[in-house]
Amino acid sequence: MENFSFKKLLVWQKGMTFAERCLDITESIKGHYRLMEQLEAAAASVPQNISEGEGRFSIKDNLNYLFFSRGSLYESITLLNLLFYKKLISQDKLEEQEGLALEITKMISALITQKRKKL
């Protein structure tokens, strides 16, 4: 069976793991509905933008979606920090997500550098 090429990207796979873990966090917290929705949307947007960019025909369009993905990752980390400040998640959980996010950020930045060379 043929598969979508973006699914082979390690950065997309790690983005999916990050989003899944964020959803696990939001499902465990009662209340703060708007913040939970924001975290769910921002975290899900990380792999969504990577895949959407891969579906574009121009490198410039693809780059824009990588920038969006990185921005969503940063937004997610800010929201996770807020949850930590409010004592809704543990420091271990925050550090786990931040570690994965740093890894994804480096991967996205490397992809951006690689694709810029093709312009």
Protein backbone atom coordinates (compact mmCIF):
# COMPACT_ATOMS: atom_id res chain seq x y z
CA MET A 1 0.00 0.00 0.00
CA GLU A 2 1.24 3.45 -0.90
CA ASN A 3 1.76 5.89 1.95
CA PHE A 4 2.01 9.64 2.39
CA SER A 5 5.68 10.69 2.20
CA PHE A 6 5.46 13.05 5.20
CA LYS A 7 4.77 10.05 7.46
CA LYS A 8 8.37 8.94 6.84
CA LEU A 9 9.73 12.19 8.28
CA LEU A 10 11.11 11.68 11.78
CA VAL A 11 10.20 15.27 12.64
CA TRP A 12 6.54 14.59 11.77
CA GLN A 13 6.60 11.37 13.84
CA LYS A 14 8.07 13.22 16.84
CA GLY A 15 5.53 16.02 16.33
CA MET A 16 2.77 13.43 16.53
CA THR A 17 4.24 12.06 19.77
CA PHE A 18 4.45 15.59 21.21
CA ALA A 19 0.81 16.29 20.26
CA GLU A 20 -0.38 12.96 21.66
CA ARG A 21 1.34 13.63 24.99
CA CYS A 22 -0.18 17.12 25.14
CA LEU A 23 -3.62 15.59 24.57
CA ASP A 24 -2.93 13.16 27.41
CA ILE A 25 -2.17 16.17 29.62
CA THR A 26 -5.32 18.07 28.64
CA GLU A 27 -7.49 15.01 29.23
CA SER A 28 -6.16 14.77 32.78
CA ILE A 29 -7.00 18.37 33.74
CA LYS A 30 -10.47 19.47 34.79
CA GLY A 31 -11.54 23.03 34.04
CA HIS A 32 -9.49 25.71 32.28
CA TYR A 33 -11.31 24.73 29.09
CA ARG A 34 -10.03 27.59 26.94
CA LEU A 35 -6.41 26.87 27.86
CA MET A 36 -6.91 23.17 27.23
CA GLU A 37 -8.40 23.90 23.80
CA GLN A 38 -5.50 26.23 23.00
CA LEU A 39 -2.93 23.63 24.01
CA GLU A 40 -4.69 20.93 22.01
CA ALA A 41 -4.85 23.16 18.93
CA ALA A 42 -1.26 24.40 19.18
CA ALA A 43 0.19 20.93 19.82
CA ALA A 44 -1.83 19.31 17.02
CA SER A 45 -0.74 22.12 14.71
CA VAL A 46 2.92 21.07 14.96
CA PRO A 47 2.65 17.87 12.85
CA GLN A 48 -0.29 19.27 10.87
CA ASN A 49 1.79 22.13 9.52
CA ILE A 50 4.72 19.83 8.73
CA SER A 51 2.45 17.59 6.68
CA GLU A 52 0.61 20.48 5.04
CA GLY A 53 3.91 22.03 4.01
CA GLU A 54 5.02 18.74 2.47
CA GLY A 55 1.87 18.82 0.37
CA ARG A 56 2.77 22.18 -1.17
CA PHE A 57 4.48 22.43 -4.54
CA SER A 58 6.85 25.29 -3.82
CA ILE A 59 9.75 25.33 -1.39
CA LYS A 60 8.69 28.81 -0.26
CA ASP A 61 5.24 27.52 0.74
CA ASN A 62 6.81 24.53 2.46
CA LEU A 63 9.10 26.85 4.44
CA ASN A 64 6.16 28.95 5.61
CA TYR A 65 4.48 25.88 7.07
CA LEU A 66 7.68 24.87 8.83
CA PHE A 67 7.77 28.33 10.41
CA PHE A 68 4.12 27.91 11.48
CA SER A 69 4.95 24.51 12.98
CA ARG A 70 7.83 25.94 15.00
CA GLY A 71 5.64 28.79 16.20
CA SER A 72 2.96 26.34 17.33
CA LEU A 73 5.59 24.37 19.20
CA TYR A 74 6.70 27.49 21.07
CA GLU A 75 3.07 28.35 21.84
CA SER A 76 2.55 24.86 23.24
CA ILE A 77 5.58 25.17 25.51
CA THR A 78 4.30 28.50 26.85
CA LEU A 79 0.95 26.92 27.66
CA LEU A 80 2.63 23.94 29.33
CA ASN A 81 4.69 26.35 31.45
CA LEU A 82 1.53 28.13 32.48
CA LEU A 83 0.01 24.81 33.56
CA PHE A 84 3.17 24.10 35.54
CA TYR A 85 3.03 27.53 37.22
CA LYS A 86 -0.57 26.79 38.22
CA LYS A 87 0.59 23.41 39.59
CA LEU A 88 -1.60 21.51 37.14
CA ILE A 89 1.32 19.48 35.73
CA SER A 90 4.53 18.28 37.34
CA GLN A 91 8.01 19.58 36.66
CA ASP A 92 8.91 16.14 35.28
CA LYS A 93 6.04 16.29 32.77
CA LEU A 94 7.04 19.82 31.74
CA GLU A 95 10.70 18.87 31.32
CA GLU A 96 9.76 15.77 29.32
CA GLN A 97 7.70 17.83 26.89
CA GLU A 98 10.28 20.62 26.71
CA GLY A 99 13.01 18.07 25.91
CA LEU A 100 10.98 16.62 23.05
CA ALA A 101 10.07 20.13 21.85
CA LEU A 102 13.74 21.16 21.77
CA GLU A 103 14.53 18.09 19.69
CA ILE A 104 11.70 18.89 17.28
CA THR A 105 12.76 22.56 17.10
CA LYS A 106 16.27 21.55 16.06
CA MET A 107 14.88 19.21 13.43
CA ILE A 108 12.56 21.87 12.02
CA SER A 109 15.39 24.41 11.96
CA ALA A 110 17.62 21.94 10.12
CA LEU A 111 14.86 21.34 7.55
CA ILE A 112 14.44 25.09 7.10
CA THR A 113 18.19 25.51 6.52
CA GLN A 114 18.22 22.59 4.08
CA LYS A 115 15.25 23.89 2.09
CA ARG A 116 16.53 27.50 2.01
CA LYS A 117 19.62 26.25 0.18
CA LYS A 118 17.33 25.05 -2.63
CA LEU A 119 15.83 28.51 -3.19
